[in-house]
Amino acid sequence: MHFKLIIIVVENERTLDILDTARAAGATGSTVLNQARGEGVQPTRTFLGLSIDNQVDVILLLTEEHISKEIMEKVAIAGEFDETPGTGIAFQLDIEDAIGVRHQIEALTDAVEDRL
């Protein structure tokens, strides 16, 4: 089984919706890193030298490669990434090896076979 790592950077108030959408699309688990900060095309706003940017969460999803694109597409719709600037981004990376995911492989095997 081959895996992809989907990395999602999203406004923290959208995190729960993104996680629910990813799970409904076939994700079997996630890791959320809270209180990250980022900057897009527009520079971060400041007030008297203090940053007033929004906090974002980084969501990591280790998914089977055959369902990763569908998960990303549904997450992008739920997060309004293409419709609303600054709401978030998602991208995926190839994973060469993964350890500690045997229980997920068992759950994914049936799900992936049903979709193929």
Protein backbone atom coordinates (compact mmCIF):
# COMPACT_ATOMS: atom_id res chain seq x y z
CA MET A 1 0.00 0.00 0.00
CA HIS A 2 1.30 3.46 -0.91
CA PHE A 3 0.59 6.59 1.09
CA LYS A 4 0.36 10.33 0.59
CA LEU A 5 0.68 12.96 3.30
CA ILE A 6 -1.94 15.66 2.92
CA ILE A 7 -0.94 18.87 4.66
CA ILE A 8 -3.71 21.38 5.25
CA VAL A 9 -3.14 24.87 6.63
CA VAL A 10 -6.49 26.34 7.64
CA GLU A 11 -8.03 29.05 9.80
CA ASN A 12 -8.53 27.49 13.21
CA GLU A 13 -12.29 28.12 13.23
CA ARG A 14 -12.60 25.86 10.14
CA THR A 15 -10.55 22.95 11.55
CA LEU A 16 -13.45 20.84 12.82
CA ASP A 17 -15.33 21.14 9.52
CA ILE A 18 -12.19 20.14 7.61
CA LEU A 19 -11.61 17.14 9.88
CA ASP A 20 -15.24 15.99 9.53
CA THR A 21 -15.06 16.35 5.74
CA ALA A 22 -11.76 14.47 5.51
CA ARG A 23 -13.09 11.59 7.62
CA ALA A 24 -16.29 11.40 5.54
CA ALA A 25 -14.11 11.25 2.40
CA GLY A 26 -12.07 8.31 3.73
CA ALA A 27 -9.34 9.67 6.00
CA THR A 28 -8.72 7.28 8.90
CA GLY A 29 -6.88 9.62 11.26
CA SER A 30 -5.28 13.03 11.61
CA THR A 31 -2.80 15.11 13.55
CA VAL A 32 -3.57 18.77 14.26
CA LEU A 33 -0.86 21.27 15.08
CA ASN A 34 -2.40 24.33 16.73
CA GLN A 35 -1.43 27.99 16.75
CA ALA A 36 0.67 28.20 13.62
CA ARG A 37 0.98 31.49 11.77
CA GLY A 38 1.34 32.17 8.09
CA GLU A 39 1.43 34.92 5.55
CA GLY A 40 -0.04 34.94 2.07
CA VAL A 41 0.12 37.41 -0.78
CA GLN A 42 -0.79 40.30 1.51
CA PRO A 43 1.69 41.06 4.31
CA THR A 44 0.66 40.48 7.91
CA ARG A 45 -1.14 43.43 9.49
CA THR A 46 0.28 45.02 12.60
CA PHE A 47 -0.95 47.47 15.20
CA LEU A 48 1.74 49.33 17.12
CA GLY A 49 4.22 46.64 16.12
CA LEU A 50 2.04 43.75 17.32
CA SER A 51 0.87 41.18 14.81
CA ILE A 52 -2.92 40.92 14.46
CA ASP A 53 -2.95 38.00 12.05
CA ASN A 54 -5.22 34.99 12.50
CA GLN A 55 -4.03 31.78 14.06
CA VAL A 56 -4.10 28.78 11.77
CA ASP A 57 -3.97 25.05 12.34
CA VAL A 58 -1.85 22.60 10.39
CA ILE A 59 -3.64 19.30 9.76
CA LEU A 60 -1.66 16.22 8.74
CA LEU A 61 -3.48 13.32 7.10
CA LEU A 62 -1.68 10.14 6.13
CA THR A 63 -3.91 8.64 3.43
CA GLU A 64 -3.83 5.87 0.87
CA GLU A 65 -2.78 7.24 -2.52
CA HIS A 66 -5.95 6.16 -4.36
CA ILE A 67 -8.22 8.23 -2.12
CA SER A 68 -5.94 11.19 -1.38
CA LYS A 69 -7.06 13.33 -4.34
CA GLU A 70 -10.74 12.92 -3.47
CA ILE A 71 -10.03 13.87 0.14
CA MET A 72 -8.13 16.98 -0.97
CA GLU A 73 -10.88 18.05 -3.36
CA LYS A 74 -13.60 17.71 -0.73
CA VAL A 75 -11.50 19.49 1.90
CA ALA A 76 -10.87 22.37 -0.53
CA ILE A 77 -14.61 22.75 -1.10
CA ALA A 78 -15.42 22.59 2.63
CA GLY A 79 -12.70 25.11 3.42
CA GLU A 80 -13.60 27.41 0.52
CA PHE A 81 -9.90 27.55 -0.38
CA ASP A 82 -10.43 28.67 -3.98
CA GLU A 83 -13.43 30.90 -3.33
CA THR A 84 -12.23 32.94 -0.37
CA PRO A 85 -8.64 34.24 -0.17
CA GLY A 86 -6.77 33.49 3.05
CA THR A 87 -8.95 30.62 4.26
CA GLY A 88 -6.36 27.91 3.76
CA ILE A 89 -4.31 25.70 1.47
CA ALA A 90 -3.82 21.98 1.02
CA PHE A 91 -1.10 19.97 -0.71
CA GLN A 92 0.15 16.41 -0.69
CA LEU A 93 3.52 14.69 -0.60
CA ASP A 94 4.55 11.15 -1.50
CA ILE A 95 5.47 8.96 1.47
CA GLU A 96 8.18 6.39 0.94
CA ASP A 97 7.72 4.45 4.20
CA ALA A 98 5.33 4.57 7.14
CA ILE A 99 5.54 2.70 10.42
CA GLY A 100 2.79 2.34 13.00
CA VAL A 101 -0.11 2.36 10.55
CA ARG A 102 -0.92 -1.36 10.38
CA HIS A 103 -4.36 -0.82 11.95
CA GLN A 104 -5.11 1.87 9.35
CA ILE A 105 -3.98 -0.39 6.51
CA GLU A 106 -6.50 -3.02 7.61
CA ALA A 107 -9.29 -0.43 7.65
CA LEU A 108 -8.20 1.12 4.35
CA THR A 109 -7.87 -2.13 2.42
CA ASP A 110 -11.61 -2.72 2.27
CA ALA A 111 -12.43 0.95 1.66
CA VAL A 112 -9.96 1.30 -1.22
CA GLU A 113 -11.03 -1.96 -2.84
CA ASP A 114 -14.65 -0.79 -2.77
CA ARG A 115 -13.73 2.47 -4.53
CA LEU A 116 -11.57 0.84 -7.20
